[in-house]
Amino acid sequence: MAEIVTLTDDTFVEQVLQSDKPVLVDFWATWCGPCKVVAPVLEQLAAEHGDKVTFAKIEVDQNPTAPRDYQVLSIPTLMLFQNGKPTSKLVGAKSKSAILKELDGLV
């Protein structure tokens, strides 16, 4: 069972941009209600598909550089990175099926 990786601005390049696997990054904050709705869905997806996709989260208030660099203006934002580049973005609380649709072909 795969765990969700906790990122920081210092670990973002190594764990996301240099990853061999696709990485779905959850940009979130502790005060964000919709972020709390998405969290258990991502935990479930990580348990089911963590062998094919790395699931990660970064707290935007404590780590402002990565959200700024990728123009994250609303949270939660889920951003899929492949080969060091962002390939898709979901903004707002999304259902498991919507997230799986974004991961189509990877899981």
PDB file of N, CA and C in Angstrom:
ATOM      1  N   MET A   1       0.840  -1.179   0.000  1.00  0.00           N
ATOM      2  CA  MET A   1       0.000   0.000   0.000  1.00  0.00           C
ATOM      3  C   MET A   1       0.890   1.249   0.000  1.00  0.00           C
ATOM      4  N   ALA A   2       0.717   2.077  -0.983  1.00  0.00           N
ATOM      5  CA  ALA A   2       1.549   3.274  -1.118  1.00  0.00           C
ATOM      6  C   ALA A   2       1.009   4.399  -0.232  1.00  0.00           C
ATOM      7  N   GLU A   3       1.922   5.156   0.321  1.00  0.00           N
ATOM      8  CA  GLU A   3       1.581   6.321   1.137  1.00  0.00           C
ATOM      9  C   GLU A   3       1.634   7.570   0.269  1.00  0.00           C
ATOM     10  N   ILE A   4       0.964   8.605   0.727  1.00  0.00           N
ATOM     11  CA  ILE A   4       1.058   9.895   0.054  1.00  0.00           C
ATOM     12  C   ILE A   4       2.343  10.567   0.527  1.00  0.00           C
ATOM     13  N   VAL A   5       3.124  11.049  -0.415  1.00  0.00           N
ATOM     14  CA  VAL A   5       4.403  11.694  -0.116  1.00  0.00           C
ATOM     15  C   VAL A   5       4.137  13.150   0.274  1.00  0.00           C
ATOM     16  N   THR A   6       4.735  13.591   1.374  1.00  0.00           N
ATOM     17  CA  THR A   6       4.620  14.989   1.782  1.00  0.00           C
ATOM     18  C   THR A   6       5.807  15.758   1.204  1.00  0.00           C
ATOM     19  N   LEU A   7       5.497  16.757   0.396  1.00  0.00           N
ATOM     20  CA  LEU A   7       6.519  17.552  -0.280  1.00  0.00           C
ATOM     21  C   LEU A   7       6.768  18.868   0.449  1.00  0.00           C
ATOM     22  N   THR A   8       7.943  19.434   0.190  1.00  0.00           N
ATOM     23  CA  THR A   8       8.253  20.799   0.592  1.00  0.00           C
ATOM     24  C   THR A   8       8.853  21.496  -0.629  1.00  0.00           C
ATOM     25  N   ASP A   9       9.034  22.804  -0.528  1.00  0.00           N
ATOM     26  CA  ASP A   9       9.704  23.509  -1.623  1.00  0.00           C
ATOM     27  C   ASP A   9      11.092  22.925  -1.868  1.00  0.00           C
ATOM     28  N   ASP A  10      11.752  22.473  -0.799  1.00  0.00           N
ATOM     29  CA  ASP A  10      13.109  21.923  -0.922  1.00  0.00           C
ATOM     30  C   ASP A  10      13.146  20.550  -1.586  1.00  0.00           C
ATOM     31  N   THR A  11      12.072  19.765  -1.462  1.00  0.00           N
ATOM     32  CA  THR A  11      12.073  18.405  -2.019  1.00  0.00           C
ATOM     33  C   THR A  11      11.304  18.298  -3.336  1.00  0.00           C
ATOM     34  N   PHE A  12      10.659  19.381  -3.761  1.00  0.00           N
ATOM     35  CA  PHE A  12       9.780  19.343  -4.934  1.00  0.00           C
ATOM     36  C   PHE A  12      10.521  18.888  -6.198  1.00  0.00           C
ATOM     37  N   VAL A  13      11.669  19.474  -6.469  1.00  0.00           N
ATOM     38  CA  VAL A  13      12.404  19.139  -7.703  1.00  0.00           C
ATOM     39  C   VAL A  13      12.769  17.657  -7.713  1.00  0.00           C
ATOM     40  N   GLU A  14      13.351  17.181  -6.633  1.00  0.00           N
ATOM     41  CA  GLU A  14      13.804  15.789  -6.591  1.00  0.00           C
ATOM     42  C   GLU A  14      12.635  14.801  -6.651  1.00  0.00           C
ATOM     43  N   GLN A  15      11.585  15.041  -5.864  1.00  0.00           N
ATOM     44  CA  GLN A  15      10.518  14.065  -5.745  1.00  0.00           C
ATOM     45  C   GLN A  15       9.444  14.173  -6.825  1.00  0.00           C
ATOM     46  N   VAL A  16       9.358  15.303  -7.497  1.00  0.00           N
ATOM     47  CA  VAL A  16       8.340  15.472  -8.538  1.00  0.00           C
ATOM     48  C   VAL A  16       8.982  15.587  -9.919  1.00  0.00           C
ATOM     49  N   LEU A  17       9.810  16.588 -10.099  1.00  0.00           N
ATOM     50  CA  LEU A  17      10.357  16.863 -11.431  1.00  0.00           C
ATOM     51  C   LEU A  17      11.357  15.811 -11.892  1.00  0.00           C
ATOM     52  N   GLN A  18      12.042  15.162 -10.960  1.00  0.00           N
ATOM     53  CA  GLN A  18      13.024  14.140 -11.328  1.00  0.00           C
ATOM     54  C   GLN A  18      12.495  12.718 -11.148  1.00  0.00           C
ATOM     55  N   SER A  19      11.219  12.571 -10.895  1.00  0.00           N
ATOM     56  CA  SER A  19      10.627  11.254 -10.661  1.00  0.00           C
ATOM     57  C   SER A  19      10.524  10.454 -11.963  1.00  0.00           C
ATOM     58  N   ASP A  20      10.766   9.154 -11.857  1.00  0.00           N
ATOM     59  CA  ASP A  20      10.605   8.261 -13.004  1.00  0.00           C
ATOM     60  C   ASP A  20       9.132   7.958 -13.270  1.00  0.00           C
ATOM     61  N   LYS A  21       8.312   8.067 -12.235  1.00  0.00           N
ATOM     62  CA  LYS A  21       6.878   7.790 -12.355  1.00  0.00           C
ATOM     63  C   LYS A  21       6.110   9.100 -12.475  1.00  0.00           C
ATOM     64  N   PRO A  22       4.911   9.056 -13.055  1.00  0.00           N
ATOM     65  CA  PRO A  22       4.050  10.238 -12.994  1.00  0.00           C
ATOM     66  C   PRO A  22       3.752  10.576 -11.538  1.00  0.00           C
ATOM     67  N   VAL A  23       3.590  11.863 -11.244  1.00  0.00           N
ATOM     68  CA  VAL A  23       3.316  12.313  -9.881  1.00  0.00           C
ATOM     69  C   VAL A  23       2.077  13.210  -9.901  1.00  0.00           C
ATOM     70  N   LEU A  24       1.087  12.862  -9.080  1.00  0.00           N
ATOM     71  CA  LEU A  24      -0.083  13.715  -8.904  1.00  0.00           C
ATOM     72  C   LEU A  24       0.120  14.503  -7.618  1.00  0.00           C
ATOM     73  N   VAL A  25       0.258  15.820  -7.748  1.00  0.00           N
ATOM     74  CA  VAL A  25       0.533  16.686  -6.601  1.00  0.00           C
ATOM     75  C   VAL A  25      -0.752  17.399  -6.179  1.00  0.00           C
ATOM     76  N   ASP A  26      -1.060  17.296  -4.901  1.00  0.00           N
ATOM     77  CA  ASP A  26      -2.193  17.982  -4.296  1.00  0.00           C
ATOM     78  C   ASP A  26      -1.662  19.249  -3.615  1.00  0.00           C
ATOM     79  N   PHE A  27      -2.003  20.412  -4.155  1.00  0.00           N
ATOM     80  CA  PHE A  27      -1.676  21.691  -3.533  1.00  0.00           C
ATOM     81  C   PHE A  27      -2.834  22.009  -2.582  1.00  0.00           C
ATOM     82  N   TRP A  28      -2.544  22.115  -1.271  1.00  0.00           N
ATOM     83  CA  TRP A  28      -3.601  22.218  -0.277  1.00  0.00           C
ATOM     84  C   TRP A  28      -3.181  23.149   0.873  1.00  0.00           C
ATOM     85  N   ALA A  29      -4.132  23.392   1.787  1.00  0.00           N
ATOM     86  CA  ALA A  29      -3.847  24.162   3.008  1.00  0.00           C
ATOM     87  C   ALA A  29      -4.691  23.597   4.150  1.00  0.00           C
ATOM     88  N   THR A  30      -4.210  23.777   5.364  1.00  0.00           N
ATOM     89  CA  THR A  30      -4.898  23.215   6.536  1.00  0.00           C
ATOM     90  C   THR A  30      -6.278  23.839   6.754  1.00  0.00           C
ATOM     91  N   TRP A  31      -6.457  25.084   6.372  1.00  0.00           N
ATOM     92  CA  TRP A  31      -7.719  25.796   6.589  1.00  0.00           C
ATOM     93  C   TRP A  31      -8.747  25.559   5.479  1.00  0.00           C
ATOM     94  N   CYS A  32      -8.378  24.814   4.455  1.00  0.00           N
ATOM     95  CA  CYS A  32      -9.207  24.636   3.252  1.00  0.00           C
ATOM     96  C   CYS A  32     -10.181  23.464   3.418  1.00  0.00           C
ATOM     97  N   GLY A  33     -11.468  23.774   3.506  1.00  0.00           N
ATOM     98  CA  GLY A  33     -12.493  22.734   3.651  1.00  0.00           C
ATOM     99  C   GLY A  33     -12.526  21.744   2.494  1.00  0.00           C
ATOM    100  N   PRO A  34     -12.585  22.217   1.239  1.00  0.00           N
ATOM    101  CA  PRO A  34     -12.595  21.278   0.113  1.00  0.00           C
ATOM    102  C   PRO A  34     -11.340  20.394   0.056  1.00  0.00           C
ATOM    103  N   CYS A  35     -10.217  20.904   0.559  1.00  0.00           N
ATOM    104  CA  CYS A  35      -8.991  20.095   0.592  1.00  0.00           C
ATOM    105  C   CYS A  35      -9.179  18.876   1.488  1.00  0.00           C
ATOM    106  N   LYS A  36      -9.932  19.067   2.581  1.00  0.00           N
ATOM    107  CA  LYS A  36     -10.189  17.967   3.513  1.00  0.00           C
ATOM    108  C   LYS A  36     -11.107  16.920   2.890  1.00  0.00           C
ATOM    109  N   VAL A  37     -11.934  17.329   1.946  1.00  0.00           N
ATOM    110  CA  VAL A  37     -12.809  16.392   1.242  1.00  0.00           C
ATOM    111  C   VAL A  37     -11.998  15.542   0.266  1.00  0.00           C
ATOM    112  N   VAL A  38     -11.017  16.135  -0.380  1.00  0.00           N
ATOM    113  CA  VAL A  38     -10.197  15.444  -1.377  1.00  0.00           C
ATOM    114  C   VAL A  38      -9.191  14.485  -0.733  1.00  0.00           C
ATOM    115  N   ALA A  39      -8.705  14.814   0.457  1.00  0.00           N
ATOM    116  CA  ALA A  39      -7.637  14.032   1.094  1.00  0.00           C
ATOM    117  C   ALA A  39      -7.932  12.534   1.185  1.00  0.00           C
ATOM    118  N   PRO A  40      -9.108  12.095   1.689  1.00  0.00           N
ATOM    119  CA  PRO A  40      -9.342  10.653   1.767  1.00  0.00           C
ATOM    120  C   PRO A  40      -9.444   9.977   0.396  1.00  0.00           C
ATOM    121  N   VAL A  41      -9.913  10.721  -0.592  1.00  0.00           N
ATOM    122  CA  VAL A  41      -9.985  10.180  -1.952  1.00  0.00           C
ATOM    123  C   VAL A  41      -8.574   9.904  -2.466  1.00  0.00           C
ATOM    124  N   LEU A  42      -7.669  10.848  -2.225  1.00  0.00           N
ATOM    125  CA  LEU A  42      -6.285  10.658  -2.667  1.00  0.00           C
ATOM    126  C   LEU A  42      -5.608   9.515  -1.921  1.00  0.00           C
ATOM    127  N   GLU A  43      -5.925   9.365  -0.632  1.00  0.00           N
ATOM    128  CA  GLU A  43      -5.365   8.241   0.127  1.00  0.00           C
ATOM    129  C   GLU A  43      -5.826   6.914  -0.459  1.00  0.00           C
ATOM    130  N   GLN A  44      -7.088   6.845  -0.834  1.00  0.00           N
ATOM    131  CA  GLN A  44      -7.627   5.633  -1.445  1.00  0.00           C
ATOM    132  C   GLN A  44      -6.958   5.363  -2.794  1.00  0.00           C
ATOM    133  N   LEU A  45      -6.805   6.395  -3.605  1.00  0.00           N
ATOM    134  CA  LEU A  45      -6.152   6.236  -4.910  1.00  0.00           C
ATOM    135  C   LEU A  45      -4.692   5.821  -4.754  1.00  0.00           C
ATOM    136  N   ALA A  46      -4.013   6.384  -3.764  1.00  0.00           N
ATOM    137  CA  ALA A  46      -2.618   6.011  -3.525  1.00  0.00           C
ATOM    138  C   ALA A  46      -2.519   4.536  -3.148  1.00  0.00           C
ATOM    139  N   ALA A  47      -3.457   4.066  -2.334  1.00  0.00           N
ATOM    140  CA  ALA A  47      -3.455   2.657  -1.942  1.00  0.00           C
ATOM    141  C   ALA A  47      -3.722   1.747  -3.133  1.00  0.00           C
ATOM    142  N   GLU A  48      -4.584   2.185  -4.039  1.00  0.00           N
ATOM    143  CA  GLU A  48      -4.967   1.352  -5.184  1.00  0.00           C
ATOM    144  C   GLU A  48      -3.998   1.444  -6.356  1.00  0.00           C
ATOM    145  N   HIS A  49      -3.384   2.613  -6.568  1.00  0.00           N
ATOM    146  CA  HIS A  49      -2.604   2.848  -7.792  1.00  0.00           C
ATOM    147  C   HIS A  49      -1.197   3.398  -7.533  1.00  0.00           C
ATOM    148  N   GLY A  50      -0.745   3.356  -6.294  1.00  0.00           N
ATOM    149  CA  GLY A  50       0.553   3.917  -5.936  1.00  0.00           C
ATOM    150  C   GLY A  50       1.735   3.245  -6.605  1.00  0.00           C
ATOM    151  N   ASP A  51       1.517   2.056  -7.162  1.00  0.00           N
ATOM    152  CA  ASP A  51       2.601   1.385  -7.881  1.00  0.00           C
ATOM    153  C   ASP A  51       2.847   2.018  -9.244  1.00  0.00           C
ATOM    154  N   LYS A  52       1.834   2.702  -9.792  1.00  0.00           N
ATOM    155  CA  LYS A  52       1.955   3.295 -11.131  1.00  0.00           C
ATOM    156  C   LYS A  52       2.122   4.814 -11.116  1.00  0.00           C
ATOM    157  N   VAL A  53       1.552   5.451 -10.091  1.00  0.00           N
ATOM    158  CA  VAL A  53       1.583   6.909  -9.962  1.00  0.00           C
ATOM    159  C   VAL A  53       1.960   7.252  -8.525  1.00  0.00           C
ATOM    160  N   THR A  54       2.845   8.219  -8.352  1.00  0.00           N
ATOM    161  CA  THR A  54       3.156   8.718  -7.014  1.00  0.00           C
ATOM    162  C   THR A  54       2.140   9.792  -6.664  1.00  0.00           C
ATOM    163  N   PHE A  55       1.552   9.668  -5.488  1.00  0.00           N
ATOM    164  CA  PHE A  55       0.607  10.662  -5.000  1.00  0.00           C
ATOM    165  C   PHE A  55       1.327  11.490  -3.939  1.00  0.00           C
ATOM    166  N   ALA A  56       1.273  12.808  -4.091  1.00  0.00           N
ATOM    167  CA  ALA A  56       2.023  13.696  -3.195  1.00  0.00           C
ATOM    168  C   ALA A  56       1.169  14.901  -2.848  1.00  0.00           C
ATOM    169  N   LYS A  57       1.527  15.562  -1.735  1.00  0.00           N
ATOM    170  CA  LYS A  57       0.818  16.776  -1.345  1.00  0.00           C
ATOM    171  C   LYS A  57       1.829  17.801  -0.857  1.00  0.00           C
ATOM    172  N   ILE A  58       1.477  19.071  -1.084  1.00  0.00           N
ATOM    173  CA  ILE A  58       2.324  20.165  -0.610  1.00  0.00           C
ATOM    174  C   ILE A  58       1.433  21.243  -0.013  1.00  0.00           C
ATOM    175  N   GLU A  59       1.728  21.644   1.209  1.00  0.00           N
ATOM    176  CA  GLU A  59       0.967  22.659   1.925  1.00  0.00           C
ATOM    177  C   GLU A  59       1.415  24.030   1.420  1.00  0.00           C
ATOM    178  N   VAL A  60       0.491  24.776   0.830  1.00  0.00           N
ATOM    179  CA  VAL A  60       0.860  26.001   0.108  1.00  0.00           C
ATOM    180  C   VAL A  60       1.285  27.160   1.006  1.00  0.00           C
ATOM    181  N   ASP A  61       0.768  27.233   2.223  1.00  0.00           N
ATOM    182  CA  ASP A  61       1.145  28.339   3.109  1.00  0.00           C
ATOM    183  C   ASP A  61       2.578  28.185   3.619  1.00  0.00           C
ATOM    184  N   GLN A  62       2.987  26.956   3.887  1.00  0.00           N
ATOM    185  CA  GLN A  62       4.341  26.707   4.380  1.00  0.00           C
ATOM    186  C   GLN A  62       5.363  26.606   3.250  1.00  0.00           C
ATOM    187  N   ASN A  63       4.884  26.376   2.032  1.00  0.00           N
ATOM    188  CA  ASN A  63       5.760  26.161   0.876  1.00  0.00           C
ATOM    189  C   ASN A  63       5.257  26.991  -0.302  1.00  0.00           C
ATOM    190  N   PRO A  64       5.540  28.290  -0.331  1.00  0.00           N
ATOM    191  CA  PRO A  64       4.964  29.169  -1.355  1.00  0.00           C
ATOM    192  C   PRO A  64       5.646  29.098  -2.733  1.00  0.00           C
ATOM    193  N   THR A  65       6.842  28.552  -2.825  1.00  0.00           N
ATOM    194  CA  THR A  65       7.587  28.609  -4.083  1.00  0.00           C
ATOM    195  C   THR A  65       6.961  27.745  -5.176  1.00  0.00           C
ATOM    196  N   ALA A  66       6.703  26.484  -4.890  1.00  0.00           N
ATOM    197  CA  ALA A  66       6.131  25.593  -5.910  1.00  0.00           C
ATOM    198  C   ALA A  66       4.756  26.084  -6.388  1.00  0.00           C
ATOM    199  N   PRO A  67       3.848  26.468  -5.491  1.00  0.00           N
ATOM    200  CA  PRO A  67       2.565  26.993  -5.983  1.00  0.00           C
ATOM    201  C   PRO A  67       2.737  28.237  -6.863  1.00  0.00           C
ATOM    202  N   ARG A  68       3.661  29.106  -6.501  1.00  0.00           N
ATOM    203  CA  ARG A  68       3.913  30.300  -7.330  1.00  0.00           C
ATOM    204  C   ARG A  68       4.455  29.894  -8.691  1.00  0.00           C
ATOM    205  N   ASP A  69       5.431  28.996  -8.699  1.00  0.00           N
ATOM    206  CA  ASP A  69       6.056  28.577  -9.954  1.00  0.00           C
ATOM    207  C   ASP A  69       5.066  27.935 -10.921  1.00  0.00           C
ATOM    208  N   TYR A  70       4.045  27.271 -10.394  1.00  0.00           N
ATOM    209  CA  TYR A  70       3.071  26.576 -11.244  1.00  0.00           C
ATOM    210  C   TYR A  70       1.712  27.267 -11.253  1.00  0.00           C
ATOM    211  N   GLN A  71       1.692  28.530 -10.863  1.00  0.00           N
ATOM    212  CA  GLN A  71       0.507  29.384 -10.930  1.00  0.00           C
ATOM    213  C   GLN A  71      -0.730  28.745 -10.313  1.00  0.00           C
ATOM    214  N   VAL A  72      -0.558  28.211  -9.111  1.00  0.00           N
ATOM    215  CA  VAL A  72      -1.685  27.664  -8.371  1.00  0.00           C
ATOM    216  C   VAL A  72      -2.384  28.842  -7.691  1.00  0.00           C
ATOM    217  N   LEU A  73      -3.584  29.168  -8.178  1.00  0.00           N
ATOM    218  CA  LEU A  73      -4.312  30.327  -7.690  1.00  0.00           C
ATOM    219  C   LEU A  73      -5.460  29.953  -6.767  1.00  0.00           C
ATOM    220  N   SER A  74      -5.922  28.710  -6.846  1.00  0.00           N
ATOM    221  CA  SER A  74      -7.010  28.214  -6.001  1.00  0.00           C
ATOM    222  C   SER A  74      -6.611  26.852  -5.464  1.00  0.00           C
ATOM    223  N   ILE A  75      -7.138  26.538  -4.287  1.00  0.00           N
ATOM    224  CA  ILE A  75      -6.891  25.208  -3.752  1.00  0.00           C
ATOM    225  C   ILE A  75      -8.230  24.579  -3.363  1.00  0.00           C
ATOM    226  N   PRO A  76      -8.334  23.270  -3.414  1.00  0.00           N
ATOM    227  CA  PRO A  76      -7.273  22.359  -3.831  1.00  0.00           C
ATOM    228  C   PRO A  76      -7.041  22.406  -5.342  1.00  0.00           C
ATOM    229  N   THR A  77      -5.802  22.255  -5.710  1.00  0.00           N
ATOM    230  CA  THR A  77      -5.428  22.060  -7.104  1.00  0.00           C
ATOM    231  C   THR A  77      -4.641  20.759  -7.170  1.00  0.00           C
ATOM    232  N   LEU A  78      -5.055  19.884  -8.062  1.00  0.00           N
ATOM    233  CA  LEU A  78      -4.328  18.646  -8.327  1.00  0.00           C
ATOM    234  C   LEU A  78      -3.623  18.821  -9.659  1.00  0.00           C
ATOM    235  N   MET A  79      -2.315  18.615  -9.669  1.00  0.00           N
ATOM    236  CA  MET A  79      -1.539  18.792 -10.890  1.00  0.00           C
ATOM    237  C   MET A  79      -0.751  17.513 -11.156  1.00  0.00           C
ATOM    238  N   LEU A  80      -0.897  17.009 -12.379  1.00  0.00           N
ATOM    239  CA  LEU A  80      -0.188  15.805 -12.781  1.00  0.00           C
ATOM    240  C   LEU A  80       1.095  16.192 -13.494  1.00  0.00           C
ATOM    241  N   PHE A  81       2.201  15.619 -13.038  1.00  0.00           N
ATOM    242  CA  PHE A  81       3.508  15.846 -13.644  1.00  0.00           C
ATOM    243  C   PHE A  81       4.000  14.548 -14.268  1.00  0.00           C
ATOM    244  N   GLN A  82       4.498  14.648 -15.507  1.00  0.00           N
ATOM    245  CA  GLN A  82       5.104  13.516 -16.185  1.00  0.00           C
ATOM    246  C   GLN A  82       6.392  13.997 -16.826  1.00  0.00           C
ATOM    247  N   ASN A  83       7.453  13.241 -16.622  1.00  0.00           N
ATOM    248  CA  ASN A  83       8.756  13.594 -17.176  1.00  0.00           C
ATOM    249  C   ASN A  83       9.163  15.024 -16.815  1.00  0.00           C
ATOM    250  N   GLY A  84       8.879  15.415 -15.581  1.00  0.00           N
ATOM    251  CA  GLY A  84       9.299  16.727 -15.094  1.00  0.00           C
ATOM    252  C   GLY A  84       8.462  17.903 -15.547  1.00  0.00           C
ATOM    253  N   LYS A  85       7.333  17.645 -16.215  1.00  0.00           N
ATOM    254  CA  LYS A  85       6.498  18.737 -16.729  1.00  0.00           C
ATOM    255  C   LYS A  85       5.048  18.544 -16.273  1.00  0.00           C
ATOM    256  N   PRO A  86       4.367  19.643 -15.968  1.00  0.00           N
ATOM    257  CA  PRO A  86       2.940  19.518 -15.651  1.00  0.00           C
ATOM    258  C   PRO A  86       2.159  19.197 -16.920  1.00  0.00           C
ATOM    259  N   THR A  87       1.302  18.171 -16.845  1.00  0.00           N
ATOM    260  CA  THR A  87       0.551  17.758 -18.030  1.00  0.00           C
ATOM    261  C   THR A  87      -0.945  18.005 -17.905  1.00  0.00           C
ATOM    262  N   SER A  88      -1.434  18.134 -16.678  1.00  0.00           N
ATOM    263  CA  SER A  88      -2.846  18.459 -16.501  1.00  0.00           C
ATOM    264  C   SER A  88      -3.084  19.023 -15.112  1.00  0.00           C
ATOM    265  N   LYS A  89      -4.233  19.691 -14.970  1.00  0.00           N
ATOM    266  CA  LYS A  89      -4.553  20.370 -13.711  1.00  0.00           C
ATOM    267  C   LYS A  89      -6.045  20.244 -13.456  1.00  0.00           C
ATOM    268  N   LEU A  90      -6.393  19.892 -12.219  1.00  0.00           N
ATOM    269  CA  LEU A  90      -7.781  19.878 -11.760  1.00  0.00           C
ATOM    270  C   LEU A  90      -7.890  20.873 -10.611  1.00  0.00           C
ATOM    271  N   VAL A  91      -8.818  21.813 -10.696  1.00  0.00           N
ATOM    272  CA  VAL A  91      -8.982  22.820  -9.651  1.00  0.00           C
ATOM    273  C   VAL A  91     -10.308  22.578  -8.942  1.00  0.00           C
ATOM    274  N   GLY A  92     -10.245  22.557  -7.612  1.00  0.00           N
ATOM    275  CA  GLY A  92     -11.437  22.328  -6.809  1.00  0.00           C
ATOM    276  C   GLY A  92     -11.537  20.886  -6.360  1.00  0.00           C
ATOM    277  N   ALA A  93     -12.470  20.639  -5.451  1.00  0.00           N
ATOM    278  CA  ALA A  93     -12.681  19.282  -4.941  1.00  0.00           C
ATOM    279  C   ALA A  93     -13.296  18.432  -6.048  1.00  0.00           C
ATOM    280  N   LYS A  94     -12.631  17.357  -6.375  1.00  0.00           N
ATOM    281  CA  LYS A  94     -13.092  16.475  -7.453  1.00  0.00           C
ATOM    282  C   LYS A  94     -13.389  15.085  -6.899  1.00  0.00           C
ATOM    283  N   SER A  95     -14.273  14.392  -7.576  1.00  0.00           N
ATOM    284  CA  SER A  95     -14.631  13.038  -7.183  1.00  0.00           C
ATOM    285  C   SER A  95     -13.531  12.059  -7.598  1.00  0.00           C
ATOM    286  N   LYS A  96     -13.613  10.876  -7.036  1.00  0.00           N
ATOM    287  CA  LYS A  96     -12.655   9.831  -7.386  1.00  0.00           C
ATOM    288  C   LYS A  96     -12.709   9.548  -8.884  1.00  0.00           C
ATOM    289  N   SER A  97     -13.902   9.486  -9.446  1.00  0.00           N
ATOM    290  CA  SER A  97     -14.022   9.187 -10.879  1.00  0.00           C
ATOM    291  C   SER A  97     -13.423  10.293 -11.741  1.00  0.00           C
ATOM    292  N   ALA A  98     -13.559  11.554 -11.323  1.00  0.00           N
ATOM    293  CA  ALA A  98     -12.966  12.667 -12.082  1.00  0.00           C
ATOM    294  C   ALA A  98     -11.446  12.600 -12.041  1.00  0.00           C
ATOM    295  N   ILE A  99     -10.900  12.242 -10.883  1.00  0.00           N
ATOM    296  CA  ILE A  99      -9.446  12.134 -10.755  1.00  0.00           C
ATOM    297  C   ILE A  99      -8.942  10.945 -11.576  1.00  0.00           C
ATOM    298  N   LEU A 100      -9.665   9.834 -11.523  1.00  0.00           N
ATOM    299  CA  LEU A 100      -9.275   8.659 -12.319  1.00  0.00           C
ATOM    300  C   LEU A 100      -9.316   8.958 -13.813  1.00  0.00           C
ATOM    301  N   LYS A 101     -10.293   9.759 -14.230  1.00  0.00           N
ATOM    302  CA  LYS A 101     -10.376  10.140 -15.646  1.00  0.00           C
ATOM    303  C   LYS A 101      -9.119  10.902 -16.057  1.00  0.00           C
ATOM    304  N   GLU A 102      -8.618  11.750 -15.154  1.00  0.00           N
ATOM    305  CA  GLU A 102      -7.402  12.527 -15.425  1.00  0.00           C
ATOM    306  C   GLU A 102      -6.176  11.610 -15.502  1.00  0.00           C
ATOM    307  N   LEU A 103      -6.237  10.503 -14.785  1.00  0.00           N
ATOM    308  CA  LEU A 103      -5.126   9.548 -14.760  1.00  0.00           C
ATOM    309  C   LEU A 103      -5.283   8.446 -15.792  1.00  0.00           C
ATOM    310  N   ASP A 104      -6.288   8.569 -16.657  1.00  0.00           N
ATOM    311  CA  ASP A 104      -6.553   7.542 -17.666  1.00  0.00           C
ATOM    312  C   ASP A 104      -5.313   7.226 -18.482  1.00  0.00           C
ATOM    313  N   GLY A 105      -5.022   5.939 -18.625  1.00  0.00           N
ATOM    314  CA  GLY A 105      -3.855   5.519 -19.356  1.00  0.00           C
ATOM    315  C   GLY A 105      -2.640   5.319 -18.462  1.00  0.00           C
ATOM    316  N   LEU A 106      -2.708   5.835 -17.229  1.00  0.00           N
ATOM    317  CA  LEU A 106      -1.591   5.685 -16.292  1.00  0.00           C
ATOM    318  C   LEU A 106      -1.883   4.618 -15.241  1.00  0.00           C
ATOM    319  N   VAL A 107      -3.167   4.454 -14.910  1.00  0.00           N
ATOM    320  CA  VAL A 107      -3.539   3.483 -13.867  1.00  0.00           C
ATOM    321  C   VAL A 107      -4.410   2.389 -14.433  1.00  0.00           C
TER     322      VAL A 107
END
